[in-house]
PDB file of N, CA and C in Angstrom:
ATOM      1  N   MET A   1       0.853  -1.135   0.005  1.00  0.00           N
ATOM      2  CA  MET A   1       0.019   0.062  -0.007  1.00  0.00           C
ATOM      3  C   MET A   1       0.870   1.232  -0.072  1.00  0.00           C
ATOM      4  N   ARG A   2       0.606   2.156  -0.897  1.00  0.00           N
ATOM      5  CA  ARG A   2       1.347   3.405  -0.967  1.00  0.00           C
ATOM      6  C   ARG A   2       1.101   4.229   0.305  1.00  0.00           C
ATOM      7  N   PRO A   3       2.142   5.026   0.772  1.00  0.00           N
ATOM      8  CA  PRO A   3       1.903   5.846   1.916  1.00  0.00           C
ATOM      9  C   PRO A   3       0.734   6.795   1.824  1.00  0.00           C
ATOM     10  N   GLU A   4       0.583   7.378   0.693  1.00  0.00           N
ATOM     11  CA  GLU A   4      -0.550   8.338   0.533  1.00  0.00           C
ATOM     12  C   GLU A   4      -1.914   7.631   0.605  1.00  0.00           C
ATOM     13  N   THR A   5      -1.946   6.413   0.077  1.00  0.00           N
ATOM     14  CA  THR A   5      -3.179   5.606   0.244  1.00  0.00           C
ATOM     15  C   THR A   5      -3.507   5.322   1.667  1.00  0.00           C
ATOM     16  N   PHE A   6      -2.519   4.902   2.403  1.00  0.00           N
ATOM     17  CA  PHE A   6      -2.667   4.602   3.776  1.00  0.00           C
ATOM     18  C   PHE A   6      -3.108   5.869   4.592  1.00  0.00           C
ATOM     19  N   TYR A   7      -2.447   6.965   4.356  1.00  0.00           N
ATOM     20  CA  TYR A   7      -2.808   8.214   5.018  1.00  0.00           C
ATOM     21  C   TYR A   7      -4.245   8.669   4.737  1.00  0.00           C
ATOM     22  N   ALA A   8      -4.644   8.582   3.463  1.00  0.00           N
ATOM     23  CA  ALA A   8      -5.999   8.969   3.049  1.00  0.00           C
ATOM     24  C   ALA A   8      -7.019   8.128   3.723  1.00  0.00           C
ATOM     25  N   LEU A   9      -6.801   6.785   3.736  1.00  0.00           N
ATOM     26  CA  LEU A   9      -7.746   5.888   4.312  1.00  0.00           C
ATOM     27  C   LEU A   9      -7.761   6.014   5.852  1.00  0.00           C
ATOM     28  N   ALA A  10      -6.618   6.326   6.428  1.00  0.00           N
ATOM     29  CA  ALA A  10      -6.506   6.507   7.880  1.00  0.00           C
ATOM     30  C   ALA A  10      -7.264   7.713   8.361  1.00  0.00           C
ATOM     31  N   LYS A  11      -7.486   8.672   7.402  1.00  0.00           N
ATOM     32  CA  LYS A  11      -8.287   9.858   7.758  1.00  0.00           C
ATOM     33  C   LYS A  11      -9.787   9.597   7.813  1.00  0.00           C
ATOM     34  N   VAL A  12     -10.296   8.770   6.923  1.00  0.00           N
ATOM     35  CA  VAL A  12     -11.679   8.625   6.750  1.00  0.00           C
ATOM     36  C   VAL A  12     -12.236   7.384   7.497  1.00  0.00           C
ATOM     37  N   LEU A  13     -11.520   6.311   7.429  1.00  0.00           N
ATOM     38  CA  LEU A  13     -12.182   5.065   7.983  1.00  0.00           C
ATOM     39  C   LEU A  13     -12.450   5.044   9.451  1.00  0.00           C
ATOM     40  N   PRO A  14     -11.506   5.404  10.311  1.00  0.00           N
ATOM     41  CA  PRO A  14     -11.854   5.396  11.771  1.00  0.00           C
ATOM     42  C   PRO A  14     -13.050   6.240  12.119  1.00  0.00           C
ATOM     43  N   ASN A  15     -13.152   7.436  11.535  1.00  0.00           N
ATOM     44  CA  ASN A  15     -14.330   8.245  11.769  1.00  0.00           C
ATOM     45  C   ASN A  15     -15.625   7.581  11.333  1.00  0.00           C
ATOM     46  N   PHE A  16     -15.591   6.975  10.168  1.00  0.00           N
ATOM     47  CA  PHE A  16     -16.765   6.297   9.676  1.00  0.00           C
ATOM     48  C   PHE A  16     -17.106   5.072  10.550  1.00  0.00           C
ATOM     49  N   PHE A  17     -16.108   4.299  10.932  1.00  0.00           N
ATOM     50  CA  PHE A  17     -16.390   3.169  11.871  1.00  0.00           C
ATOM     51  C   PHE A  17     -17.056   3.622  13.117  1.00  0.00           C
ATOM     52  N   GLU A  18     -16.544   4.644  13.707  1.00  0.00           N
ATOM     53  CA  GLU A  18     -17.117   5.216  14.979  1.00  0.00           C
ATOM     54  C   GLU A  18     -18.540   5.665  14.721  1.00  0.00           C
ATOM     55  N   ALA A  19     -18.738   6.343  13.583  1.00  0.00           N
ATOM     56  CA  ALA A  19     -20.141   6.916  13.256  1.00  0.00           C
ATOM     57  C   ALA A  19     -21.094   5.677  13.013  1.00  0.00           C
ATOM     58  N   MET A  20     -20.622   4.602  12.429  1.00  0.00           N
ATOM     59  CA  MET A  20     -21.402   3.441  12.216  1.00  0.00           C
ATOM     60  C   MET A  20     -21.949   2.876  13.555  1.00  0.00           C
ATOM     61  N   ASP A  21     -21.096   2.888  14.534  1.00  0.00           N
ATOM     62  CA  ASP A  21     -21.479   2.349  15.836  1.00  0.00           C
ATOM     63  C   ASP A  21     -22.547   3.207  16.495  1.00  0.00           C
ATOM     64  N   ARG A  22     -22.518   4.523  16.286  1.00  0.00           N
ATOM     65  CA  ARG A  22     -23.375   5.438  16.942  1.00  0.00           C
ATOM     66  C   ARG A  22     -24.697   5.714  16.214  1.00  0.00           C
ATOM     67  N   ASP A  23     -24.706   5.526  14.912  1.00  0.00           N
ATOM     68  CA  ASP A  23     -25.821   5.950  14.084  1.00  0.00           C
ATOM     69  C   ASP A  23     -26.754   4.874  13.700  1.00  0.00           C
ATOM     70  N   PRO A  24     -27.940   4.693  14.353  1.00  0.00           N
ATOM     71  CA  PRO A  24     -28.924   3.689  14.012  1.00  0.00           C
ATOM     72  C   PRO A  24     -29.577   3.876  12.638  1.00  0.00           C
ATOM     73  N   ARG A  25     -29.413   4.997  11.994  1.00  0.00           N
ATOM     74  CA  ARG A  25     -30.039   5.241  10.731  1.00  0.00           C
ATOM     75  C   ARG A  25     -29.301   4.475   9.609  1.00  0.00           C
ATOM     76  N   LEU A  26     -28.054   4.046   9.812  1.00  0.00           N
ATOM     77  CA  LEU A  26     -27.296   3.417   8.765  1.00  0.00           C
ATOM     78  C   LEU A  26     -27.604   1.940   8.663  1.00  0.00           C
ATOM     79  N   SER A  27     -27.929   1.546   7.476  1.00  0.00           N
ATOM     80  CA  SER A  27     -28.182   0.127   7.150  1.00  0.00           C
ATOM     81  C   SER A  27     -26.974  -0.480   6.465  1.00  0.00           C
ATOM     82  N   SER A  28     -27.026  -1.761   6.252  1.00  0.00           N
ATOM     83  CA  SER A  28     -25.955  -2.415   5.544  1.00  0.00           C
ATOM     84  C   SER A  28     -25.860  -1.857   4.075  1.00  0.00           C
ATOM     85  N   THR A  29     -26.943  -1.435   3.523  1.00  0.00           N
ATOM     86  CA  THR A  29     -26.893  -0.820   2.164  1.00  0.00           C
ATOM     87  C   THR A  29     -26.144   0.465   2.214  1.00  0.00           C
ATOM     88  N   HIS A  30     -26.356   1.349   3.199  1.00  0.00           N
ATOM     89  CA  HIS A  30     -25.604   2.572   3.325  1.00  0.00           C
ATOM     90  C   HIS A  30     -24.126   2.275   3.458  1.00  0.00           C
ATOM     91  N   VAL A  31     -23.759   1.300   4.264  1.00  0.00           N
ATOM     92  CA  VAL A  31     -22.378   0.982   4.522  1.00  0.00           C
ATOM     93  C   VAL A  31     -21.687   0.403   3.222  1.00  0.00           C
ATOM     94  N   SER A  32     -22.450  -0.453   2.534  1.00  0.00           N
ATOM     95  CA  SER A  32     -21.945  -0.974   1.258  1.00  0.00           C
ATOM     96  C   SER A  32     -21.680   0.185   0.236  1.00  0.00           C
ATOM     97  N   LEU A  33     -22.610   1.072   0.159  1.00  0.00           N
ATOM     98  CA  LEU A  33     -22.423   2.185  -0.763  1.00  0.00           C
ATOM     99  C   LEU A  33     -21.232   3.069  -0.341  1.00  0.00           C
ATOM    100  N   TYR A  34     -21.124   3.318   0.904  1.00  0.00           N
ATOM    101  CA  TYR A  34     -20.050   4.237   1.386  1.00  0.00           C
ATOM    102  C   TYR A  34     -18.705   3.653   1.107  1.00  0.00           C
ATOM    103  N   PHE A  35     -18.544   2.279   1.352  1.00  0.00           N
ATOM    104  CA  PHE A  35     -17.281   1.641   1.116  1.00  0.00           C
ATOM    105  C   PHE A  35     -16.974   1.550  -0.412  1.00  0.00           C
ATOM    106  N   SER A  36     -18.005   1.383  -1.171  1.00  0.00           N
ATOM    107  CA  SER A  36     -17.867   1.408  -2.642  1.00  0.00           C
ATOM    108  C   SER A  36     -17.382   2.779  -3.062  1.00  0.00           C
ATOM    109  N   LEU A  37     -17.891   3.852  -2.466  1.00  0.00           N
ATOM    110  CA  LEU A  37     -17.510   5.218  -2.820  1.00  0.00           C
ATOM    111  C   LEU A  37     -15.980   5.472  -2.394  1.00  0.00           C
ATOM    112  N   ILE A  38     -15.614   4.862  -1.269  1.00  0.00           N
ATOM    113  CA  ILE A  38     -14.248   5.034  -0.775  1.00  0.00           C
ATOM    114  C   ILE A  38     -13.285   4.372  -1.783  1.00  0.00           C
ATOM    115  N   ARG A  39     -13.730   3.167  -2.301  1.00  0.00           N
ATOM    116  CA  ARG A  39     -12.990   2.513  -3.280  1.00  0.00           C
ATOM    117  C   ARG A  39     -12.808   3.351  -4.585  1.00  0.00           C
ATOM    118  N   GLN A  40     -13.935   3.957  -5.021  1.00  0.00           N
ATOM    119  CA  GLN A  40     -13.885   4.853  -6.173  1.00  0.00           C
ATOM    120  C   GLN A  40     -12.944   6.023  -5.917  1.00  0.00           C
ATOM    121  N   TRP A  41     -13.030   6.539  -4.696  1.00  0.00           N
ATOM    122  CA  TRP A  41     -12.186   7.680  -4.352  1.00  0.00           C
ATOM    123  C   TRP A  41     -10.721   7.235  -4.456  1.00  0.00           C
ATOM    124  N   ALA A  42     -10.368   6.096  -3.924  1.00  0.00           N
ATOM    125  CA  ALA A  42      -9.018   5.624  -3.998  1.00  0.00           C
ATOM    126  C   ALA A  42      -8.578   5.381  -5.493  1.00  0.00           C
ATOM    127  N   SER A  43      -9.501   4.902  -6.311  1.00  0.00           N
ATOM    128  CA  SER A  43      -9.221   4.763  -7.725  1.00  0.00           C
ATOM    129  C   SER A  43      -8.973   6.024  -8.449  1.00  0.00           C
ATOM    130  N   SER A  44      -9.596   7.089  -7.996  1.00  0.00           N
ATOM    131  CA  SER A  44      -9.418   8.395  -8.632  1.00  0.00           C
ATOM    132  C   SER A  44      -8.230   9.146  -8.031  1.00  0.00           C
ATOM    133  N   GLU A  45      -7.367   8.428  -7.351  1.00  0.00           N
ATOM    134  CA  GLU A  45      -6.102   8.953  -6.754  1.00  0.00           C
ATOM    135  C   GLU A  45      -6.494  10.020  -5.655  1.00  0.00           C
ATOM    136  N   PHE A  46      -7.548   9.800  -4.970  1.00  0.00           N
ATOM    137  CA  PHE A  46      -7.942  10.638  -3.832  1.00  0.00           C
ATOM    138  C   PHE A  46      -8.248  12.088  -4.203  1.00  0.00           C
ATOM    139  N   SER A  47      -8.920  12.214  -5.398  1.00  0.00           N
ATOM    140  CA  SER A  47      -9.297  13.583  -5.830  1.00  0.00           C
ATOM    141  C   SER A  47     -10.376  14.157  -4.909  1.00  0.00           C
ATOM    142  N   ASP A  48     -10.565  15.402  -4.966  1.00  0.00           N
ATOM    143  CA  ASP A  48     -11.559  16.056  -4.080  1.00  0.00           C
ATOM    144  C   ASP A  48     -12.963  15.514  -4.317  1.00  0.00           C
ATOM    145  N   CYS A  49     -13.239  15.144  -5.547  1.00  0.00           N
ATOM    146  CA  CYS A  49     -14.564  14.797  -5.977  1.00  0.00           C
ATOM    147  C   CYS A  49     -14.594  13.412  -6.638  1.00  0.00           C
ATOM    148  N   VAL A  50     -15.587  12.591  -6.329  1.00  0.00           N
ATOM    149  CA  VAL A  50     -15.782  11.330  -7.001  1.00  0.00           C
ATOM    150  C   VAL A  50     -16.873  11.617  -8.009  1.00  0.00           C
ATOM    151  N   ARG A  51     -16.566  11.350  -9.275  1.00  0.00           N
ATOM    152  CA  ARG A  51     -17.636  11.500 -10.294  1.00  0.00           C
ATOM    153  C   ARG A  51     -18.086  10.133 -10.736  1.00  0.00           C
ATOM    154  N   ILE A  52     -19.408   9.916 -10.638  1.00  0.00           N
ATOM    155  CA  ILE A  52     -19.896   8.566 -10.923  1.00  0.00           C
ATOM    156  C   ILE A  52     -21.323   8.607 -11.409  1.00  0.00           C
ATOM    157  N   TYR A  53     -21.627   7.678 -12.345  1.00  0.00           N
ATOM    158  CA  TYR A  53     -22.994   7.504 -12.850  1.00  0.00           C
ATOM    159  C   TYR A  53     -23.746   6.604 -11.895  1.00  0.00           C
ATOM    160  N   ALA A  54     -25.053   6.814 -11.796  1.00  0.00           N
ATOM    161  CA  ALA A  54     -25.871   5.986 -10.865  1.00  0.00           C
ATOM    162  C   ALA A  54     -25.742   4.490 -11.126  1.00  0.00           C
ATOM    163  N   ARG A  55     -25.945   4.159 -12.424  1.00  0.00           N
ATOM    164  CA  ARG A  55     -25.838   2.695 -12.746  1.00  0.00           C
ATOM    165  C   ARG A  55     -24.526   2.068 -12.377  1.00  0.00           C
ATOM    166  N   GLN A  56     -23.420   2.798 -12.680  1.00  0.00           N
ATOM    167  CA  GLN A  56     -22.100   2.323 -12.358  1.00  0.00           C
ATOM    168  C   GLN A  56     -21.894   2.213 -10.851  1.00  0.00           C
ATOM    169  N   GLY A  57     -22.343   3.226 -10.116  1.00  0.00           N
ATOM    170  CA  GLY A  57     -22.251   3.232  -8.632  1.00  0.00           C
ATOM    171  C   GLY A  57     -23.052   2.121  -8.039  1.00  0.00           C
ATOM    172  N   ALA A  58     -24.267   1.903  -8.493  1.00  0.00           N
ATOM    173  CA  ALA A  58     -25.107   0.811  -7.952  1.00  0.00           C
ATOM    174  C   ALA A  58     -24.489  -0.530  -8.194  1.00  0.00           C
ATOM    175  N   LEU A  59     -23.940  -0.707  -9.365  1.00  0.00           N
ATOM    176  CA  LEU A  59     -23.224  -1.969  -9.767  1.00  0.00           C
ATOM    177  C   LEU A  59     -22.086  -2.261  -8.853  1.00  0.00           C
ATOM    178  N   LYS A  60     -21.218  -1.224  -8.631  1.00  0.00           N
ATOM    179  CA  LYS A  60     -20.064  -1.438  -7.787  1.00  0.00           C
ATOM    180  C   LYS A  60     -20.417  -1.626  -6.349  1.00  0.00           C
ATOM    181  N   ALA A  61     -21.503  -1.073  -5.810  1.00  0.00           N
ATOM    182  CA  ALA A  61     -21.959  -1.302  -4.449  1.00  0.00           C
ATOM    183  C   ALA A  61     -22.788  -2.505  -4.315  1.00  0.00           C
ATOM    184  N   LYS A  62     -23.149  -3.143  -5.452  1.00  0.00           N
ATOM    185  CA  LYS A  62     -23.952  -4.410  -5.482  1.00  0.00           C
ATOM    186  C   LYS A  62     -25.375  -4.117  -4.838  1.00  0.00           C
ATOM    187  N   ILE A  63     -25.920  -2.950  -5.260  1.00  0.00           N
ATOM    188  CA  ILE A  63     -27.272  -2.645  -4.813  1.00  0.00           C
ATOM    189  C   ILE A  63     -28.071  -2.158  -6.088  1.00  0.00           C
ATOM    190  N   SER A  64     -29.358  -2.033  -5.914  1.00  0.00           N
ATOM    191  CA  SER A  64     -30.191  -1.563  -7.033  1.00  0.00           C
ATOM    192  C   SER A  64     -29.976  -0.073  -7.220  1.00  0.00           C
ATOM    193  N   THR A  65     -30.363   0.446  -8.409  1.00  0.00           N
ATOM    194  CA  THR A  65     -30.230   1.860  -8.632  1.00  0.00           C
ATOM    195  C   THR A  65     -31.148   2.650  -7.808  1.00  0.00           C
ATOM    196  N   VAL A  66     -32.344   2.109  -7.394  1.00  0.00           N
ATOM    197  CA  VAL A  66     -33.264   2.796  -6.514  1.00  0.00           C
ATOM    198  C   VAL A  66     -32.689   2.929  -5.152  1.00  0.00           C
ATOM    199  N   SER A  67     -32.054   1.827  -4.629  1.00  0.00           N
ATOM    200  CA  SER A  67     -31.409   1.869  -3.346  1.00  0.00           C
ATOM    201  C   SER A  67     -30.178   2.789  -3.319  1.00  0.00           C
ATOM    202  N   TYR A  68     -29.447   2.756  -4.477  1.00  0.00           N
ATOM    203  CA  TYR A  68     -28.235   3.677  -4.632  1.00  0.00           C
ATOM    204  C   TYR A  68     -28.716   5.087  -4.422  1.00  0.00           C
ATOM    205  N   THR A  69     -29.699   5.531  -5.163  1.00  0.00           N
ATOM    206  CA  THR A  69     -30.129   6.965  -5.108  1.00  0.00           C
ATOM    207  C   THR A  69     -30.671   7.261  -3.672  1.00  0.00           C
ATOM    208  N   ARG A  70     -31.514   6.343  -3.138  1.00  0.00           N
ATOM    209  CA  ARG A  70     -32.018   6.619  -1.830  1.00  0.00           C
ATOM    210  C   ARG A  70     -30.918   6.728  -0.756  1.00  0.00           C
ATOM    211  N   CYS A  71     -29.965   5.800  -0.796  1.00  0.00           N
ATOM    212  CA  CYS A  71     -28.897   5.814   0.184  1.00  0.00           C
ATOM    213  C   CYS A  71     -27.964   6.996   0.032  1.00  0.00           C
ATOM    214  N   LEU A  72     -27.694   7.400  -1.218  1.00  0.00           N
ATOM    215  CA  LEU A  72     -26.896   8.598  -1.444  1.00  0.00           C
ATOM    216  C   LEU A  72     -27.528   9.830  -0.855  1.00  0.00           C
ATOM    217  N   LYS A  73     -28.854   9.932  -1.079  1.00  0.00           N
ATOM    218  CA  LYS A  73     -29.561  11.061  -0.464  1.00  0.00           C
ATOM    219  C   LYS A  73     -29.501  11.028   1.003  1.00  0.00           C
ATOM    220  N   ASP A  74     -29.711   9.800   1.626  1.00  0.00           N
ATOM    221  CA  ASP A  74     -29.617   9.607   3.003  1.00  0.00           C
ATOM    222  C   ASP A  74     -28.239  10.003   3.577  1.00  0.00           C
ATOM    223  N   LEU A  75     -27.179   9.544   2.969  1.00  0.00           N
ATOM    224  CA  LEU A  75     -25.842   9.836   3.423  1.00  0.00           C
ATOM    225  C   LEU A  75     -25.540  11.300   3.301  1.00  0.00           C
ATOM    226  N   HIS A  76     -26.041  11.966   2.310  1.00  0.00           N
ATOM    227  CA  HIS A  76     -25.943  13.370   2.176  1.00  0.00           C
ATOM    228  C   HIS A  76     -26.641  14.092   3.321  1.00  0.00           C
ATOM    229  N   ALA A  77     -27.900  13.680   3.600  1.00  0.00           N
ATOM    230  CA  ALA A  77     -28.709  14.311   4.651  1.00  0.00           C
ATOM    231  C   ALA A  77     -28.042  14.085   6.048  1.00  0.00           C
ATOM    232  N   PHE A  78     -27.471  12.921   6.227  1.00  0.00           N
ATOM    233  CA  PHE A  78     -26.829  12.546   7.494  1.00  0.00           C
ATOM    234  C   PHE A  78     -25.458  13.141   7.670  1.00  0.00           C
ATOM    235  N   GLY A  79     -24.898  13.771   6.617  1.00  0.00           N
ATOM    236  CA  GLY A  79     -23.622  14.488   6.666  1.00  0.00           C
ATOM    237  C   GLY A  79     -22.392  13.612   6.431  1.00  0.00           C
ATOM    238  N   TYR A  80     -22.603  12.488   5.860  1.00  0.00           N
ATOM    239  CA  TYR A  80     -21.440  11.550   5.572  1.00  0.00           C
ATOM    240  C   TYR A  80     -20.748  11.934   4.269  1.00  0.00           C
ATOM    241  N   LEU A  81     -21.388  12.624   3.424  1.00  0.00           N
ATOM    242  CA  LEU A  81     -20.932  13.017   2.159  1.00  0.00           C
ATOM    243  C   LEU A  81     -21.733  14.194   1.642  1.00  0.00           C
ATOM    244  N   HIS A  82     -21.238  14.843   0.617  1.00  0.00           N
ATOM    245  CA  HIS A  82     -21.975  15.916  -0.094  1.00  0.00           C
ATOM    246  C   HIS A  82     -22.304  15.393  -1.518  1.00  0.00           C
ATOM    247  N   TYR A  83     -23.538  15.258  -1.812  1.00  0.00           N
ATOM    248  CA  TYR A  83     -24.006  14.652  -3.080  1.00  0.00           C
ATOM    249  C   TYR A  83     -24.566  15.791  -3.964  1.00  0.00           C
ATOM    250  N   VAL A  84     -23.975  15.886  -5.161  1.00  0.00           N
ATOM    251  CA  VAL A  84     -24.447  16.898  -6.163  1.00  0.00           C
ATOM    252  C   VAL A  84     -24.883  16.086  -7.371  1.00  0.00           C
ATOM    253  N   PRO A  85     -26.238  15.822  -7.435  1.00  0.00           N
ATOM    254  CA  PRO A  85     -26.756  14.975  -8.575  1.00  0.00           C
ATOM    255  C   PRO A  85     -26.715  15.816  -9.832  1.00  0.00           C
ATOM    256  N   SER A  86     -26.513  15.131 -10.955  1.00  0.00           N
ATOM    257  CA  SER A  86     -26.408  15.837 -12.243  1.00  0.00           C
ATOM    258  C   SER A  86     -27.798  15.998 -12.954  1.00  0.00           C
ATOM    259  N   TYR A  87     -28.735  15.182 -12.570  1.00  0.00           N
ATOM    260  CA  TYR A  87     -30.093  15.172 -13.193  1.00  0.00           C
ATOM    261  C   TYR A  87     -29.999  14.968 -14.719  1.00  0.00           C
ATOM    262  N   ASN A  88     -28.910  14.503 -15.185  1.00  0.00           N
ATOM    263  CA  ASN A  88     -28.734  14.196 -16.583  1.00  0.00           C
ATOM    264  C   ASN A  88     -27.970  12.880 -16.663  1.00  0.00           C
ATOM    265  N   SER A  89     -28.609  11.912 -17.339  1.00  0.00           N
ATOM    266  CA  SER A  89     -27.951  10.560 -17.391  1.00  0.00           C
ATOM    267  C   SER A  89     -26.681  10.509 -18.135  1.00  0.00           C
ATOM    268  N   ALA A  90     -26.411  11.551 -18.921  1.00  0.00           N
ATOM    269  CA  ALA A  90     -25.147  11.636 -19.752  1.00  0.00           C
ATOM    270  C   ALA A  90     -24.002  12.265 -18.959  1.00  0.00           C
ATOM    271  N   ILE A  91     -24.338  12.793 -17.773  1.00  0.00           N
ATOM    272  CA  ILE A  91     -23.299  13.526 -16.978  1.00  0.00           C
ATOM    273  C   ILE A  91     -23.275  12.859 -15.573  1.00  0.00           C
ATOM    274  N   ALA A  92     -22.022  12.483 -15.190  1.00  0.00           N
ATOM    275  CA  ALA A  92     -21.866  11.882 -13.858  1.00  0.00           C
ATOM    276  C   ALA A  92     -22.154  12.842 -12.695  1.00  0.00           C
ATOM    277  N   SER A  93     -22.741  12.314 -11.636  1.00  0.00           N
ATOM    278  CA  SER A  93     -22.963  13.082 -10.407  1.00  0.00           C
ATOM    279  C   SER A  93     -21.651  13.219  -9.662  1.00  0.00           C
ATOM    280  N   SER A  94     -21.591  14.284  -8.816  1.00  0.00           N
ATOM    281  CA  SER A  94     -20.401  14.555  -8.035  1.00  0.00           C
ATOM    282  C   SER A  94     -20.667  14.166  -6.581  1.00  0.00           C
ATOM    283  N   ILE A  95     -19.658  13.549  -6.011  1.00  0.00           N
ATOM    284  CA  ILE A  95     -19.780  13.159  -4.563  1.00  0.00           C
ATOM    285  C   ILE A  95     -18.508  13.561  -3.816  1.00  0.00           C
ATOM    286  N   TYR A  96     -18.672  14.238  -2.735  1.00  0.00           N
ATOM    287  CA  TYR A  96     -17.531  14.721  -1.938  1.00  0.00           C
ATOM    288  C   TYR A  96     -17.619  14.038  -0.595  1.00  0.00           C
ATOM    289  N   LEU A  97     -16.653  13.199  -0.235  1.00  0.00           N
ATOM    290  CA  LEU A  97     -16.635  12.470   1.039  1.00  0.00           C
ATOM    291  C   LEU A  97     -16.210  13.412   2.223  1.00  0.00           C
ATOM    292  N   CYS A  98     -16.809  13.188   3.340  1.00  0.00           N
ATOM    293  CA  CYS A  98     -16.385  13.899   4.566  1.00  0.00           C
ATOM    294  C   CYS A  98     -15.321  13.120   5.217  1.00  0.00           C
ATOM    295  N   PHE A  99     -14.263  13.829   5.670  1.00  0.00           N
ATOM    296  CA  PHE A  99     -13.117  13.121   6.245  1.00  0.00           C
ATOM    297  C   PHE A  99     -12.944  13.364   7.704  1.00  0.00           C
ATOM    298  N   GLU A 100     -13.314  14.504   8.243  1.00  0.00           N
ATOM    299  CA  GLU A 100     -12.883  14.953   9.538  1.00  0.00           C
ATOM    300  C   GLU A 100     -13.728  14.509  10.712  1.00  0.00           C
ATOM    301  N   GLY A 101     -14.623  13.563  10.510  1.00  0.00           N
ATOM    302  CA  GLY A 101     -15.483  13.112  11.606  1.00  0.00           C
ATOM    303  C   GLY A 101     -16.570  14.080  11.907  1.00  0.00           C
ATOM    304  N   ASN A 102     -16.916  14.948  10.940  1.00  0.00           N
ATOM    305  CA  ASN A 102     -17.957  15.895  11.191  1.00  0.00           C
ATOM    306  C   ASN A 102     -19.319  15.397  10.636  1.00  0.00           C
ATOM    307  N   PHE A 103     -19.517  14.133  10.853  1.00  0.00           N
ATOM    308  CA  PHE A 103     -20.833  13.563  10.467  1.00  0.00           C
ATOM    309  C   PHE A 103     -21.920  14.079  11.444  1.00  0.00           C
ATOM    310  N   ARG A 104     -23.090  14.352  10.876  1.00  0.00           N
ATOM    311  CA  ARG A 104     -24.204  14.874  11.676  1.00  0.00           C
ATOM    312  C   ARG A 104     -24.850  13.776  12.510  1.00  0.00           C
ATOM    313  N   THR A 105     -24.204  13.334  13.493  1.00  0.00           N
ATOM    314  CA  THR A 105     -24.783  12.354  14.430  1.00  0.00           C
ATOM    315  C   THR A 105     -25.150  12.922  15.743  1.00  0.00           C
ATOM    316  N   SER A 106     -24.922  14.212  15.934  1.00  0.00           N
ATOM    317  CA  SER A 106     -25.265  14.758  17.283  1.00  0.00           C
ATOM    318  C   SER A 106     -26.742  14.684  17.501  1.00  0.00           C
ATOM    319  N   GLY A 107     -27.138  14.478  18.706  1.00  0.00           N
ATOM    320  CA  GLY A 107     -28.527  14.346  19.046  1.00  0.00           C
ATOM    321  C   GLY A 107     -29.015  12.936  18.955  1.00  0.00           C
ATOM    322  N   LEU A 108     -28.212  11.974  18.413  1.00  0.00           N
ATOM    323  CA  LEU A 108     -28.596  10.628  18.326  1.00  0.00           C
ATOM    324  C   LEU A 108     -28.370   9.947  19.640  1.00  0.00           C
ATOM    325  N   LYS A 109     -29.120   8.984  20.018  1.00  0.00           N
ATOM    326  CA  LYS A 109     -28.939   8.197  21.238  1.00  0.00           C
ATOM    327  C   LYS A 109     -27.864   7.197  20.992  1.00  0.00           C
ATOM    328  N   GLU A 110     -27.004   6.955  21.971  1.00  0.00           N
ATOM    329  CA  GLU A 110     -26.061   5.858  21.903  1.00  0.00           C
ATOM    330  C   GLU A 110     -26.795   4.539  21.973  1.00  0.00           C
ATOM    331  N   ILE A 111     -26.460   3.658  21.046  1.00  0.00           N
ATOM    332  CA  ILE A 111     -27.143   2.409  20.974  1.00  0.00           C
ATOM    333  C   ILE A 111     -26.254   1.339  21.708  1.00  0.00           C
ATOM    334  N   PRO A 112     -26.762   0.712  22.776  1.00  0.00           N
ATOM    335  CA  PRO A 112     -25.983  -0.300  23.483  1.00  0.00           C
ATOM    336  C   PRO A 112     -25.591  -1.515  22.601  1.00  0.00           C
ATOM    337  N   ALA A 113     -24.692  -2.305  23.041  1.00  0.00           N
ATOM    338  CA  ALA A 113     -24.150  -3.455  22.241  1.00  0.00           C
ATOM    339  C   ALA A 113     -25.307  -4.409  21.940  1.00  0.00           C
ATOM    340  N   ASP A 114     -26.282  -4.546  22.872  1.00  0.00           N
ATOM    341  CA  ASP A 114     -27.327  -5.503  22.643  1.00  0.00           C
ATOM    342  C   ASP A 114     -28.403  -4.980  21.653  1.00  0.00           C
ATOM    343  N   GLY A 115     -28.233  -3.698  21.174  1.00  0.00           N
ATOM    344  CA  GLY A 115     -29.173  -3.143  20.204  1.00  0.00           C
ATOM    345  C   GLY A 115     -30.516  -2.587  20.809  1.00  0.00           C
ATOM    346  N   LEU A 116     -30.644  -2.707  22.093  1.00  0.00           N
ATOM    347  CA  LEU A 116     -31.914  -2.227  22.785  1.00  0.00           C
ATOM    348  C   LEU A 116     -31.671  -0.798  23.257  1.00  0.00           C
ATOM    349  N   THR A 117     -32.649   0.094  22.933  1.00  0.00           N
ATOM    350  CA  THR A 117     -32.491   1.517  23.416  1.00  0.00           C
ATOM    351  C   THR A 117     -33.013   1.577  24.820  1.00  0.00           C
ATOM    352  N   LEU A 118     -32.366   2.394  25.641  1.00  0.00           N
ATOM    353  CA  LEU A 118     -32.830   2.687  26.977  1.00  0.00           C
ATOM    354  C   LEU A 118     -33.403   4.058  27.079  1.00  0.00           C
ATOM    355  N   ASP A 119     -34.565   4.157  27.642  1.00  0.00           N
ATOM    356  CA  ASP A 119     -35.251   5.470  27.796  1.00  0.00           C
ATOM    357  C   ASP A 119     -35.248   5.884  29.240  1.00  0.00           C
TER     358      ASP A 119
END
């Protein structure tokens, strides 16, 4: 693994792992999509923006295009990424990943290991 690859992944993965533990809104589909986007980001040599078509993104994440679009919108709303849809099938959408752990999880209840919420 190249040093810049390790450094880039070391910035984003620990924060996402921590957020996964705290955020009950995330499903396995969200996680699959996010990791697929990290892979695309690495393939693009860690550019600021990942440019991807919906069909291509859904295929790489191994989810349907409907789930892809829904989960992208969710991840955007939750603060895990910034999604700029193109609304044109001939133009790739732009996705900017969040790195600094500034995911919008504040206000969420901590979920115990057994998955039961305590009130």
